[in-house]
């Protein structure tokens, strides 16, 4: 008997990297796994040309005894996230697990640049990442609180004993600390509804072509 047979999970940012690994593990446990990200066989390739699509991950989930469902979506867009959760509710009537591994900006290429030399694009990507965390959490909470149970896991970094410590790159610091603070605050508000919100720090990982922690 698979331990997560019949459970419903959403992996946001599941096309590659840490999100893909989480989706495959959920599939091995027998879960129904919605794999959502921007990178699809039917859309533009990511800027870094890294391999992996939502269809690839969903297919592998199914091969590992789960049920993989690929959803192409920009998770920083409120309307697209709302549509995704409406589909999950219509299909399954519930959501048991949200695993959020969305991350857009690549700070490694600009690590040594001063903040006034950074592009407007990398600022927008950082804000989009925080927005994806917020929107996915909001809609997941609405489904989970209604049923009185659920687990939200946000893949993050920079969990430091000293909250005032600097992590070496301004937007890397801002992006992760924003997620960490959201996790802490959300967990306090969902606790009475028996919904857990936690941060998962996997450390340095690779996406197949270079260093990365998260997915698009």
N, C-alpha and C. Protein backbone atom coordinates (compact mmCIF):
# COMPACT_ATOMS: atom_id res chain seq x y z
N UNK A 1 0.84 -1.19 0.00
CA UNK A 1 0.00 0.00 0.00
C UNK A 1 0.88 1.25 0.00
N UNK A 2 0.64 2.13 -0.96
CA UNK A 2 1.40 3.37 -1.03
C UNK A 2 0.90 4.33 0.07
N UNK A 3 1.83 4.95 0.83
CA UNK A 3 1.42 5.76 1.98
C UNK A 3 0.61 7.00 1.61
N UNK A 4 0.75 7.53 0.40
CA UNK A 4 0.01 8.72 0.01
C UNK A 4 -1.03 8.43 -1.07
N UNK A 5 -1.44 7.17 -1.18
CA UNK A 5 -2.47 6.80 -2.14
C UNK A 5 -3.75 7.60 -1.87
N UNK A 6 -4.27 8.28 -2.89
CA UNK A 6 -5.48 9.07 -2.74
C UNK A 6 -5.26 10.49 -2.27
N UNK A 7 -4.04 10.83 -1.82
CA UNK A 7 -3.75 12.20 -1.41
C UNK A 7 -3.48 13.07 -2.63
N UNK A 8 -3.81 14.35 -2.52
CA UNK A 8 -3.68 15.28 -3.63
C UNK A 8 -2.60 16.31 -3.30
N UNK A 9 -1.64 16.45 -4.19
CA UNK A 9 -0.53 17.38 -3.98
C UNK A 9 -0.38 18.30 -5.18
N UNK A 10 0.07 19.50 -4.91
CA UNK A 10 0.47 20.44 -5.96
C UNK A 10 1.93 20.78 -5.75
N UNK A 11 2.74 20.59 -6.78
CA UNK A 11 4.13 21.02 -6.73
C UNK A 11 4.28 22.22 -7.65
N UNK A 12 4.41 23.39 -7.05
CA UNK A 12 4.58 24.63 -7.80
C UNK A 12 6.05 24.80 -8.13
N UNK A 13 6.35 24.97 -9.42
CA UNK A 13 7.75 24.99 -9.84
C UNK A 13 8.30 23.60 -9.97
N UNK A 14 7.50 22.67 -10.50
CA UNK A 14 7.89 21.27 -10.52
C UNK A 14 8.52 20.79 -11.81
N UNK A 15 8.88 21.70 -12.71
CA UNK A 15 9.43 21.27 -13.99
C UNK A 15 10.84 20.74 -13.88
N UNK A 16 11.58 21.19 -12.89
CA UNK A 16 12.98 20.78 -12.77
C UNK A 16 13.50 21.07 -11.36
N UNK A 17 14.75 20.74 -11.14
CA UNK A 17 15.40 21.05 -9.88
C UNK A 17 14.73 20.41 -8.67
N UNK A 18 14.72 21.14 -7.55
CA UNK A 18 14.18 20.61 -6.30
C UNK A 18 12.70 20.26 -6.43
N UNK A 19 11.95 21.08 -7.16
CA UNK A 19 10.52 20.81 -7.33
C UNK A 19 10.28 19.50 -8.04
N UNK A 20 11.06 19.22 -9.07
CA UNK A 20 10.92 17.95 -9.79
C UNK A 20 11.18 16.79 -8.85
N UNK A 21 12.24 16.88 -8.04
CA UNK A 21 12.55 15.80 -7.11
C UNK A 21 11.44 15.56 -6.11
N UNK A 22 10.83 16.64 -5.62
CA UNK A 22 9.72 16.50 -4.67
C UNK A 22 8.53 15.83 -5.35
N UNK A 23 8.24 16.25 -6.59
CA UNK A 23 7.12 15.65 -7.32
C UNK A 23 7.32 14.16 -7.53
N UNK A 24 8.53 13.75 -7.88
CA UNK A 24 8.80 12.33 -8.10
C UNK A 24 8.66 11.52 -6.81
N UNK A 25 9.11 12.09 -5.71
CA UNK A 25 8.98 11.40 -4.42
C UNK A 25 7.51 11.24 -4.04
N UNK A 26 6.70 12.26 -4.29
CA UNK A 26 5.26 12.16 -4.03
C UNK A 26 4.63 11.10 -4.92
N UNK A 27 5.09 11.02 -6.17
CA UNK A 27 4.58 10.00 -7.07
C UNK A 27 4.92 8.60 -6.61
N UNK A 28 6.13 8.41 -6.14
CA UNK A 28 6.53 7.10 -5.62
C UNK A 28 5.67 6.68 -4.44
N UNK A 29 5.18 7.67 -3.69
CA UNK A 29 4.32 7.38 -2.53
C UNK A 29 2.86 7.21 -2.93
N UNK A 30 2.56 7.36 -4.24
CA UNK A 30 1.22 7.07 -4.72
C UNK A 30 0.28 8.26 -4.82
N UNK A 31 0.78 9.48 -4.66
CA UNK A 31 -0.09 10.65 -4.64
C UNK A 31 -0.54 11.06 -6.04
N UNK A 32 -1.65 11.79 -6.09
CA UNK A 32 -2.05 12.53 -7.28
C UNK A 32 -1.27 13.84 -7.24
N UNK A 33 -0.45 14.09 -8.25
CA UNK A 33 0.46 15.23 -8.20
C UNK A 33 0.21 16.17 -9.38
N UNK A 34 -0.25 17.37 -9.07
CA UNK A 34 -0.35 18.43 -10.07
C UNK A 34 1.02 19.10 -10.16
N UNK A 35 1.59 19.11 -11.34
CA UNK A 35 2.91 19.70 -11.56
C UNK A 35 2.72 21.00 -12.33
N UNK A 36 2.96 22.13 -11.68
CA UNK A 36 2.69 23.44 -12.29
C UNK A 36 3.97 24.25 -12.40
N UNK A 37 4.18 24.85 -13.56
CA UNK A 37 5.32 25.72 -13.80
C UNK A 37 5.15 26.37 -15.16
N UNK A 38 6.05 27.29 -15.50
CA UNK A 38 5.97 27.95 -16.80
C UNK A 38 6.59 27.12 -17.92
N UNK A 39 7.53 26.25 -17.57
CA UNK A 39 8.29 25.54 -18.58
C UNK A 39 7.53 24.33 -19.08
N UNK A 40 7.11 24.39 -20.35
CA UNK A 40 6.29 23.35 -20.95
C UNK A 40 6.85 22.98 -22.32
N UNK A 41 6.53 21.79 -22.78
CA UNK A 41 6.90 21.39 -24.14
C UNK A 41 6.25 22.29 -25.18
N UNK A 42 5.17 22.92 -24.80
CA UNK A 42 4.38 23.70 -25.75
C UNK A 42 4.59 25.21 -25.59
N UNK A 43 5.62 25.61 -24.85
CA UNK A 43 5.87 27.02 -24.63
C UNK A 43 7.33 27.35 -24.90
N UNK A 44 7.70 28.60 -24.67
CA UNK A 44 9.09 29.02 -24.90
C UNK A 44 10.05 28.34 -23.94
N UNK A 45 11.27 28.15 -24.39
CA UNK A 45 12.29 27.56 -23.53
C UNK A 45 12.73 28.57 -22.47
N UNK A 46 13.15 28.09 -21.29
CA UNK A 46 13.63 29.02 -20.26
C UNK A 46 14.90 29.70 -20.71
N UNK A 47 15.19 30.86 -20.13
CA UNK A 47 16.34 31.65 -20.53
C UNK A 47 17.66 30.91 -20.36
N UNK A 48 17.73 30.02 -19.36
CA UNK A 48 18.98 29.30 -19.11
C UNK A 48 19.07 27.99 -19.89
N UNK A 49 18.03 27.68 -20.69
CA UNK A 49 18.01 26.46 -21.51
C UNK A 49 18.15 25.18 -20.70
N UNK A 50 17.81 25.23 -19.44
CA UNK A 50 17.88 24.03 -18.60
C UNK A 50 16.82 23.02 -19.04
N UNK A 51 17.12 21.73 -18.98
CA UNK A 51 16.15 20.72 -19.38
C UNK A 51 15.03 20.59 -18.36
N UNK A 52 13.90 20.03 -18.81
CA UNK A 52 12.79 19.74 -17.91
C UNK A 52 11.56 20.55 -18.23
N UNK A 53 10.41 19.89 -18.24
CA UNK A 53 9.12 20.56 -18.46
C UNK A 53 8.11 19.96 -17.49
N UNK A 54 6.95 20.61 -17.40
CA UNK A 54 5.90 20.07 -16.54
C UNK A 54 5.43 18.71 -17.05
N UNK A 55 5.41 18.54 -18.38
CA UNK A 55 4.99 17.26 -18.95
C UNK A 55 6.00 16.15 -18.63
N UNK A 56 7.29 16.47 -18.68
CA UNK A 56 8.32 15.48 -18.34
C UNK A 56 8.15 14.99 -16.91
N UNK A 57 7.99 15.94 -15.99
CA UNK A 57 7.86 15.58 -14.58
C UNK A 57 6.58 14.80 -14.33
N UNK A 58 5.47 15.26 -14.89
CA UNK A 58 4.18 14.58 -14.68
C UNK A 58 4.23 13.15 -15.21
N UNK A 59 4.86 12.96 -16.37
CA UNK A 59 4.98 11.61 -16.92
C UNK A 59 5.79 10.70 -16.03
N UNK A 60 6.86 11.23 -15.46
CA UNK A 60 7.69 10.43 -14.56
C UNK A 60 6.96 10.12 -13.26
N UNK A 61 6.16 11.05 -12.77
CA UNK A 61 5.33 10.79 -11.58
C UNK A 61 4.43 9.59 -11.82
N UNK A 62 3.78 9.57 -12.97
CA UNK A 62 2.88 8.46 -13.30
C UNK A 62 3.65 7.15 -13.43
N UNK A 63 4.82 7.21 -14.02
CA UNK A 63 5.63 5.98 -14.15
C UNK A 63 6.07 5.44 -12.80
N UNK A 64 6.09 6.30 -11.80
CA UNK A 64 6.51 5.88 -10.46
C UNK A 64 5.33 5.54 -9.55
N UNK A 65 4.19 5.25 -10.14
CA UNK A 65 3.01 4.76 -9.41
C UNK A 65 2.10 5.85 -8.89
N UNK A 66 2.40 7.12 -9.18
CA UNK A 66 1.48 8.18 -8.82
C UNK A 66 0.61 8.53 -10.02
N UNK A 67 -0.05 9.66 -9.93
CA UNK A 67 -0.81 10.19 -11.06
C UNK A 67 -0.35 11.61 -11.30
N UNK A 68 0.42 11.80 -12.36
CA UNK A 68 0.97 13.11 -12.66
C UNK A 68 0.08 13.89 -13.61
N UNK A 69 -0.17 15.17 -13.27
CA UNK A 69 -1.01 16.04 -14.08
C UNK A 69 -0.22 17.32 -14.34
N UNK A 70 0.09 17.57 -15.61
CA UNK A 70 0.90 18.73 -15.98
C UNK A 70 0.03 19.96 -16.20
N UNK A 71 0.44 21.08 -15.59
CA UNK A 71 -0.26 22.35 -15.75
C UNK A 71 0.76 23.43 -16.08
N UNK A 72 0.63 24.02 -17.26
CA UNK A 72 1.49 25.16 -17.58
C UNK A 72 0.85 26.42 -17.03
N UNK A 73 1.57 27.14 -16.16
CA UNK A 73 1.01 28.34 -15.56
C UNK A 73 2.12 29.24 -15.05
N UNK A 74 1.89 30.54 -15.14
CA UNK A 74 2.75 31.53 -14.51
C UNK A 74 2.21 31.74 -13.10
N UNK A 75 2.90 31.22 -12.12
CA UNK A 75 2.38 31.21 -10.76
C UNK A 75 2.55 32.55 -10.05
N UNK A 76 3.12 33.52 -10.73
CA UNK A 76 3.16 34.88 -10.17
C UNK A 76 1.95 35.68 -10.61
N UNK A 77 1.08 35.08 -11.42
CA UNK A 77 -0.13 35.73 -11.92
C UNK A 77 -1.34 35.24 -11.14
N UNK A 78 -2.01 36.14 -10.45
CA UNK A 78 -3.12 35.77 -9.57
C UNK A 78 -4.21 35.01 -10.32
N UNK A 79 -4.57 35.45 -11.51
CA UNK A 79 -5.66 34.81 -12.25
C UNK A 79 -5.30 33.38 -12.65
N UNK A 80 -4.05 33.17 -13.06
CA UNK A 80 -3.64 31.82 -13.44
C UNK A 80 -3.59 30.89 -12.23
N UNK A 81 -3.15 31.41 -11.10
CA UNK A 81 -3.13 30.60 -9.88
C UNK A 81 -4.56 30.27 -9.44
N UNK A 82 -5.45 31.25 -9.50
CA UNK A 82 -6.84 31.00 -9.14
C UNK A 82 -7.46 29.93 -10.02
N UNK A 83 -7.17 29.98 -11.32
CA UNK A 83 -7.70 28.98 -12.24
C UNK A 83 -7.14 27.60 -11.93
N UNK A 84 -5.86 27.52 -11.58
CA UNK A 84 -5.25 26.25 -11.21
C UNK A 84 -5.94 25.64 -10.01
N UNK A 85 -6.19 26.43 -8.99
CA UNK A 85 -6.82 25.90 -7.78
C UNK A 85 -8.29 25.56 -7.99
N UNK A 86 -8.94 26.30 -8.87
CA UNK A 86 -10.33 25.93 -9.21
C UNK A 86 -10.36 24.55 -9.87
N UNK A 87 -9.39 24.30 -10.72
CA UNK A 87 -9.33 22.99 -11.36
C UNK A 87 -9.09 21.89 -10.34
N UNK A 88 -8.16 22.11 -9.42
CA UNK A 88 -7.89 21.10 -8.40
C UNK A 88 -9.13 20.83 -7.57
N UNK A 89 -9.83 21.90 -7.19
CA UNK A 89 -11.04 21.71 -6.39
C UNK A 89 -12.12 20.98 -7.19
N UNK A 90 -12.27 21.32 -8.47
CA UNK A 90 -13.26 20.64 -9.30
C UNK A 90 -12.91 19.17 -9.51
N UNK A 91 -11.64 18.90 -9.77
CA UNK A 91 -11.19 17.53 -10.04
C UNK A 91 -11.25 16.65 -8.80
N UNK A 92 -10.77 17.20 -7.67
CA UNK A 92 -10.52 16.37 -6.49
C UNK A 92 -11.29 16.80 -5.24
N UNK A 93 -11.73 18.05 -5.20
CA UNK A 93 -12.45 18.52 -4.03
C UNK A 93 -11.58 18.77 -2.82
N UNK A 94 -10.25 18.73 -2.99
CA UNK A 94 -9.37 18.87 -1.84
C UNK A 94 -7.94 19.10 -2.31
N UNK A 95 -7.11 19.57 -1.39
CA UNK A 95 -5.67 19.63 -1.59
C UNK A 95 -5.03 19.29 -0.26
N UNK A 96 -4.19 18.27 -0.25
CA UNK A 96 -3.55 17.83 0.99
C UNK A 96 -2.17 18.42 1.18
N UNK A 97 -1.44 18.60 0.06
CA UNK A 97 -0.05 19.07 0.15
C UNK A 97 0.21 20.12 -0.92
N UNK A 98 0.79 21.24 -0.51
CA UNK A 98 1.37 22.21 -1.43
C UNK A 98 2.88 22.19 -1.22
N UNK A 99 3.63 21.94 -2.27
CA UNK A 99 5.08 22.06 -2.23
C UNK A 99 5.46 23.17 -3.20
N UNK A 100 5.91 24.29 -2.67
CA UNK A 100 6.25 25.45 -3.50
C UNK A 100 7.75 25.52 -3.69
N UNK A 101 8.19 25.33 -4.94
CA UNK A 101 9.61 25.41 -5.26
C UNK A 101 9.87 26.41 -6.39
N UNK A 102 9.03 27.43 -6.47
CA UNK A 102 9.16 28.43 -7.52
C UNK A 102 10.35 29.34 -7.22
N UNK A 103 11.20 29.53 -8.22
CA UNK A 103 12.28 30.51 -8.10
C UNK A 103 12.70 30.93 -9.50
N UNK A 104 12.72 32.22 -9.78
CA UNK A 104 13.01 32.71 -11.14
C UNK A 104 14.40 33.29 -11.32
N UNK A 105 14.86 34.21 -10.48
CA UNK A 105 16.11 34.91 -10.79
C UNK A 105 17.35 34.04 -10.61
N UNK A 106 18.33 34.29 -11.45
CA UNK A 106 19.63 33.62 -11.34
C UNK A 106 20.64 34.63 -10.81
N UNK A 107 20.92 34.53 -9.52
CA UNK A 107 21.82 35.49 -8.90
C UNK A 107 23.29 35.17 -9.10
N UNK A 108 23.60 33.93 -9.48
CA UNK A 108 24.99 33.53 -9.61
C UNK A 108 25.72 34.39 -10.65
N UNK A 109 25.01 34.79 -11.71
CA UNK A 109 25.64 35.56 -12.78
C UNK A 109 25.91 37.01 -12.37
N UNK A 110 25.23 37.48 -11.35
CA UNK A 110 25.36 38.90 -10.96
C UNK A 110 25.79 39.04 -9.50
N UNK A 111 26.31 37.97 -8.92
CA UNK A 111 26.57 37.95 -7.49
C UNK A 111 27.45 39.12 -7.03
N UNK A 112 28.44 39.51 -7.83
CA UNK A 112 29.40 40.53 -7.41
C UNK A 112 28.99 41.94 -7.82
N UNK A 113 27.86 42.07 -8.52
CA UNK A 113 27.42 43.40 -8.94
C UNK A 113 26.80 44.17 -7.79
N UNK A 114 27.01 45.49 -7.81
CA UNK A 114 26.38 46.36 -6.82
C UNK A 114 24.91 46.54 -7.19
N UNK A 115 24.08 46.84 -6.22
CA UNK A 115 22.64 46.85 -6.49
C UNK A 115 22.25 47.86 -7.56
N UNK A 116 22.97 48.98 -7.65
CA UNK A 116 22.62 49.99 -8.66
C UNK A 116 23.04 49.59 -10.07
N UNK A 117 23.79 48.48 -10.19
CA UNK A 117 24.18 47.97 -11.50
C UNK A 117 23.32 46.79 -11.94
N UNK A 118 22.36 46.38 -11.11
CA UNK A 118 21.51 45.25 -11.46
C UNK A 118 20.40 45.70 -12.41
N UNK A 119 19.92 44.77 -13.21
CA UNK A 119 18.88 45.09 -14.18
C UNK A 119 17.51 45.16 -13.52
N UNK A 120 16.60 45.85 -14.17
CA UNK A 120 15.22 45.89 -13.69
C UNK A 120 14.60 44.50 -13.78
N UNK A 121 15.06 43.70 -14.74
CA UNK A 121 14.52 42.36 -14.93
C UNK A 121 14.72 41.46 -13.73
N UNK A 122 15.89 41.50 -13.12
CA UNK A 122 16.14 40.60 -11.99
C UNK A 122 15.36 41.06 -10.76
N UNK A 123 15.09 42.34 -10.65
CA UNK A 123 14.20 42.83 -9.58
C UNK A 123 12.80 42.27 -9.79
N UNK A 124 12.28 42.37 -11.02
CA UNK A 124 10.94 41.86 -11.30
C UNK A 124 10.85 40.36 -11.04
N UNK A 125 11.89 39.60 -11.43
CA UNK A 125 11.88 38.16 -11.19
C UNK A 125 11.85 37.83 -9.70
N UNK A 126 12.56 38.63 -8.90
CA UNK A 126 12.54 38.42 -7.45
C UNK A 126 11.14 38.67 -6.90
N UNK A 127 10.51 39.73 -7.34
CA UNK A 127 9.15 40.05 -6.89
C UNK A 127 8.15 38.99 -7.37
N UNK A 128 8.34 38.48 -8.58
CA UNK A 128 7.46 37.43 -9.09
C UNK A 128 7.56 36.17 -8.24
N UNK A 129 8.76 35.86 -7.79
CA UNK A 129 8.96 34.68 -6.95
C UNK A 129 8.21 34.82 -5.63
N UNK A 130 8.31 36.00 -5.01
CA UNK A 130 7.58 36.24 -3.76
C UNK A 130 6.08 36.19 -4.00
N UNK A 131 5.64 36.75 -5.13
CA UNK A 131 4.22 36.72 -5.47
C UNK A 131 3.72 35.30 -5.64
N UNK A 132 4.51 34.44 -6.28
CA UNK A 132 4.10 33.05 -6.48
C UNK A 132 3.93 32.35 -5.13
N UNK A 133 4.84 32.60 -4.22
CA UNK A 133 4.72 32.03 -2.87
C UNK A 133 3.43 32.51 -2.21
N UNK A 134 3.14 33.79 -2.33
CA UNK A 134 1.95 34.37 -1.71
C UNK A 134 0.67 33.80 -2.31
N UNK A 135 0.54 33.86 -3.64
CA UNK A 135 -0.70 33.43 -4.28
C UNK A 135 -0.97 31.93 -4.05
N UNK A 136 0.06 31.11 -4.20
CA UNK A 136 -0.14 29.67 -3.98
C UNK A 136 -0.56 29.39 -2.55
N UNK A 137 0.03 30.11 -1.61
CA UNK A 137 -0.32 29.91 -0.20
C UNK A 137 -1.74 30.35 0.09
N UNK A 138 -2.15 31.48 -0.46
CA UNK A 138 -3.50 31.99 -0.23
C UNK A 138 -4.55 31.00 -0.70
N UNK A 139 -4.40 30.52 -1.94
CA UNK A 139 -5.42 29.62 -2.49
C UNK A 139 -5.35 28.23 -1.86
N UNK A 140 -4.14 27.79 -1.51
CA UNK A 140 -4.03 26.51 -0.81
C UNK A 140 -4.68 26.58 0.55
N UNK A 141 -4.47 27.69 1.26
CA UNK A 141 -5.07 27.84 2.59
C UNK A 141 -6.59 27.79 2.53
N UNK A 142 -7.17 28.41 1.50
CA UNK A 142 -8.63 28.40 1.37
C UNK A 142 -9.18 26.99 1.26
N UNK A 143 -8.48 26.13 0.53
CA UNK A 143 -8.92 24.74 0.40
C UNK A 143 -8.64 23.94 1.68
N UNK A 144 -7.47 24.14 2.25
CA UNK A 144 -7.05 23.32 3.39
C UNK A 144 -7.81 23.68 4.67
N UNK A 145 -7.96 24.97 4.93
CA UNK A 145 -8.64 25.40 6.16
C UNK A 145 -10.08 24.91 6.17
N UNK A 146 -10.71 24.90 5.00
CA UNK A 146 -12.08 24.44 4.89
C UNK A 146 -12.23 22.99 5.34
N UNK A 147 -11.19 22.18 5.09
CA UNK A 147 -11.23 20.76 5.46
C UNK A 147 -10.56 20.48 6.81
N UNK A 148 -9.87 21.48 7.34
CA UNK A 148 -9.26 21.30 8.66
C UNK A 148 -7.99 20.47 8.67
N UNK A 149 -7.28 20.41 7.53
CA UNK A 149 -5.97 19.76 7.52
C UNK A 149 -5.23 20.13 6.25
N UNK A 150 -3.91 19.99 6.29
CA UNK A 150 -3.10 20.25 5.10
C UNK A 150 -1.67 20.58 5.48
N UNK A 151 -0.79 20.51 4.49
CA UNK A 151 0.63 20.81 4.68
C UNK A 151 1.11 21.67 3.52
N UNK A 152 1.70 22.82 3.86
CA UNK A 152 2.35 23.68 2.87
C UNK A 152 3.84 23.69 3.15
N UNK A 153 4.62 23.36 2.13
CA UNK A 153 6.08 23.34 2.25
C UNK A 153 6.66 24.32 1.24
N UNK A 154 7.42 25.27 1.72
CA UNK A 154 8.07 26.24 0.84
C UNK A 154 9.57 25.99 0.84
N UNK A 155 10.10 25.65 -0.33
CA UNK A 155 11.54 25.44 -0.46
C UNK A 155 12.22 26.80 -0.38
N UNK A 156 13.23 26.89 0.48
CA UNK A 156 13.84 28.19 0.75
C UNK A 156 15.33 28.03 1.02
N UNK A 157 15.94 29.09 1.46
CA UNK A 157 17.37 29.11 1.76
C UNK A 157 17.60 30.24 2.75
N UNK A 158 18.85 30.38 3.18
CA UNK A 158 19.21 31.52 4.03
C UNK A 158 18.59 31.47 5.41
N UNK A 159 18.24 30.29 5.90
CA UNK A 159 17.73 30.22 7.27
C UNK A 159 18.92 30.35 8.22
N UNK A 160 19.09 31.51 8.78
CA UNK A 160 20.28 31.87 9.55
C UNK A 160 19.90 32.14 10.99
N UNK A 161 20.77 31.79 11.92
CA UNK A 161 20.49 32.03 13.34
C UNK A 161 20.37 33.52 13.64
N UNK A 162 21.10 34.32 12.88
CA UNK A 162 21.06 35.76 13.08
C UNK A 162 20.23 36.39 11.96
N UNK A 163 19.01 36.85 12.25
CA UNK A 163 18.15 37.41 11.20
C UNK A 163 18.71 38.67 10.56
N UNK A 164 19.70 39.29 11.22
CA UNK A 164 20.29 40.50 10.67
C UNK A 164 21.51 40.21 9.79
N UNK A 165 21.91 38.95 9.70
CA UNK A 165 23.09 38.61 8.91
C UNK A 165 22.85 38.85 7.42
N UNK A 166 23.90 39.27 6.72
CA UNK A 166 23.81 39.50 5.27
C UNK A 166 24.29 38.26 4.54
N UNK A 167 23.57 37.88 3.50
CA UNK A 167 23.86 36.62 2.81
C UNK A 167 24.67 36.81 1.54
N UNK A 168 25.18 37.99 1.27
CA UNK A 168 26.15 38.15 0.20
C UNK A 168 25.65 38.75 -1.09
N UNK A 169 24.33 38.73 -1.33
CA UNK A 169 23.78 39.34 -2.55
C UNK A 169 22.41 39.90 -2.18
N UNK A 170 22.16 41.14 -2.52
CA UNK A 170 21.02 41.86 -1.96
C UNK A 170 19.67 41.24 -2.31
N UNK A 171 19.45 40.82 -3.56
CA UNK A 171 18.15 40.27 -3.93
C UNK A 171 18.02 38.80 -3.54
N UNK A 172 19.12 38.09 -3.52
CA UNK A 172 19.13 36.74 -2.97
C UNK A 172 18.69 36.79 -1.50
N UNK A 173 19.24 37.75 -0.78
CA UNK A 173 18.89 37.94 0.62
C UNK A 173 17.41 38.33 0.76
N UNK A 174 16.97 39.30 -0.02
CA UNK A 174 15.60 39.80 0.07
C UNK A 174 14.59 38.71 -0.29
N UNK A 175 14.83 38.00 -1.39
CA UNK A 175 13.88 36.99 -1.84
C UNK A 175 13.67 35.88 -0.82
N UNK A 176 14.76 35.34 -0.33
CA UNK A 176 14.65 34.22 0.60
C UNK A 176 14.13 34.66 1.97
N UNK A 177 14.58 35.82 2.43
CA UNK A 177 14.09 36.27 3.73
C UNK A 177 12.60 36.61 3.67
N UNK A 178 12.13 37.09 2.53
CA UNK A 178 10.69 37.34 2.39
C UNK A 178 9.92 36.04 2.51
N UNK A 179 10.39 34.99 1.84
CA UNK A 179 9.72 33.69 1.94
C UNK A 179 9.79 33.15 3.37
N UNK A 180 10.95 33.27 3.99
CA UNK A 180 11.09 32.78 5.36
C UNK A 180 10.13 33.48 6.32
N UNK A 181 9.97 34.80 6.14
CA UNK A 181 9.06 35.53 7.01
C UNK A 181 7.61 35.16 6.73
N UNK A 182 7.28 34.94 5.46
CA UNK A 182 5.93 34.51 5.13
C UNK A 182 5.63 33.15 5.77
N UNK A 183 6.58 32.24 5.70
CA UNK A 183 6.39 30.92 6.31
C UNK A 183 6.12 31.05 7.80
N UNK A 184 6.93 31.86 8.48
CA UNK A 184 6.76 32.02 9.92
C UNK A 184 5.39 32.62 10.25
N UNK A 185 5.01 33.67 9.53
CA UNK A 185 3.76 34.34 9.83
C UNK A 185 2.54 33.51 9.44
N UNK A 186 2.59 32.88 8.27
CA UNK A 186 1.47 32.05 7.83
C UNK A 186 1.24 30.88 8.78
N UNK A 187 2.33 30.29 9.26
CA UNK A 187 2.19 29.13 10.14
C UNK A 187 1.45 29.49 11.42
N UNK A 188 1.62 30.70 11.90
CA UNK A 188 0.91 31.12 13.10
C UNK A 188 -0.59 31.25 12.84
N UNK A 189 -0.95 31.70 11.65
CA UNK A 189 -2.36 31.94 11.34
C UNK A 189 -3.11 30.67 10.97
N UNK A 190 -2.40 29.66 10.47
CA UNK A 190 -3.06 28.42 10.07
C UNK A 190 -3.04 27.34 11.15
N UNK A 191 -2.28 27.57 12.19
CA UNK A 191 -2.10 26.52 13.21
C UNK A 191 -3.41 26.05 13.80
N UNK A 192 -4.31 26.96 14.12
CA UNK A 192 -5.59 26.58 14.75
C UNK A 192 -6.48 25.78 13.81
N UNK A 193 -6.23 25.90 12.52
CA UNK A 193 -7.02 25.15 11.54
C UNK A 193 -6.37 23.82 11.18
N UNK A 194 -5.30 23.46 11.89
CA UNK A 194 -4.58 22.21 11.68
C UNK A 194 -3.96 22.13 10.30
N UNK A 195 -3.50 23.28 9.82
CA UNK A 195 -2.76 23.35 8.56
C UNK A 195 -1.33 23.80 8.91
N UNK A 196 -0.36 22.99 8.52
CA UNK A 196 1.04 23.29 8.84
C UNK A 196 1.70 24.00 7.66
N UNK A 197 2.48 25.03 7.96
CA UNK A 197 3.27 25.75 6.95
C UNK A 197 4.72 25.70 7.41
N UNK A 198 5.58 25.14 6.57
CA UNK A 198 6.98 24.96 6.96
C UNK A 198 7.90 25.38 5.81
N UNK A 199 9.14 25.69 6.17
CA UNK A 199 10.18 25.97 5.18
C UNK A 199 11.12 24.78 5.09
N UNK A 200 11.54 24.46 3.88
CA UNK A 200 12.47 23.36 3.64
C UNK A 200 13.72 23.91 2.97
N UNK A 201 14.86 23.73 3.62
CA UNK A 201 16.12 24.24 3.10
C UNK A 201 16.98 23.07 2.60
N UNK A 202 16.95 22.76 1.29
CA UNK A 202 17.70 21.61 0.78
C UNK A 202 19.17 21.89 0.55
N UNK A 203 19.58 23.16 0.64
CA UNK A 203 20.97 23.49 0.35
C UNK A 203 21.22 23.61 -1.14
N UNK A 204 22.47 23.63 -1.52
CA UNK A 204 22.88 23.85 -2.90
C UNK A 204 22.55 22.63 -3.76
N UNK A 205 21.84 22.84 -4.85
CA UNK A 205 21.52 21.75 -5.77
C UNK A 205 21.82 22.19 -7.19
N UNK A 206 21.72 21.25 -8.13
CA UNK A 206 21.95 21.56 -9.54
C UNK A 206 20.73 21.17 -10.34
N UNK A 207 20.48 21.91 -11.43
CA UNK A 207 19.30 21.63 -12.25
C UNK A 207 19.62 20.88 -13.53
N UNK A 208 20.86 20.48 -13.72
CA UNK A 208 21.24 19.73 -14.91
C UNK A 208 22.24 20.44 -15.79
N UNK A 209 22.25 21.77 -15.76
CA UNK A 209 23.22 22.52 -16.57
C UNK A 209 24.07 23.45 -15.71
N UNK A 210 23.70 23.62 -14.47
CA UNK A 210 24.44 24.55 -13.64
C UNK A 210 23.81 24.66 -12.29
N UNK A 211 24.37 25.50 -11.41
CA UNK A 211 23.83 25.60 -10.05
C UNK A 211 22.47 26.26 -10.03
N UNK A 212 21.56 25.66 -9.27
CA UNK A 212 20.24 26.24 -9.07
C UNK A 212 19.60 25.57 -7.88
N UNK A 213 18.71 26.26 -7.23
CA UNK A 213 18.00 25.67 -6.12
C UNK A 213 16.54 25.41 -6.48
N UNK A 214 16.01 26.20 -7.36
CA UNK A 214 14.58 26.15 -7.61
C UNK A 214 14.24 26.01 -9.08
N UNK A 215 12.98 26.17 -9.38
CA UNK A 215 12.44 25.96 -10.71
C UNK A 215 11.68 27.18 -11.18
N UNK A 216 11.35 27.14 -12.47
CA UNK A 216 10.45 28.14 -13.02
C UNK A 216 9.05 27.59 -13.09
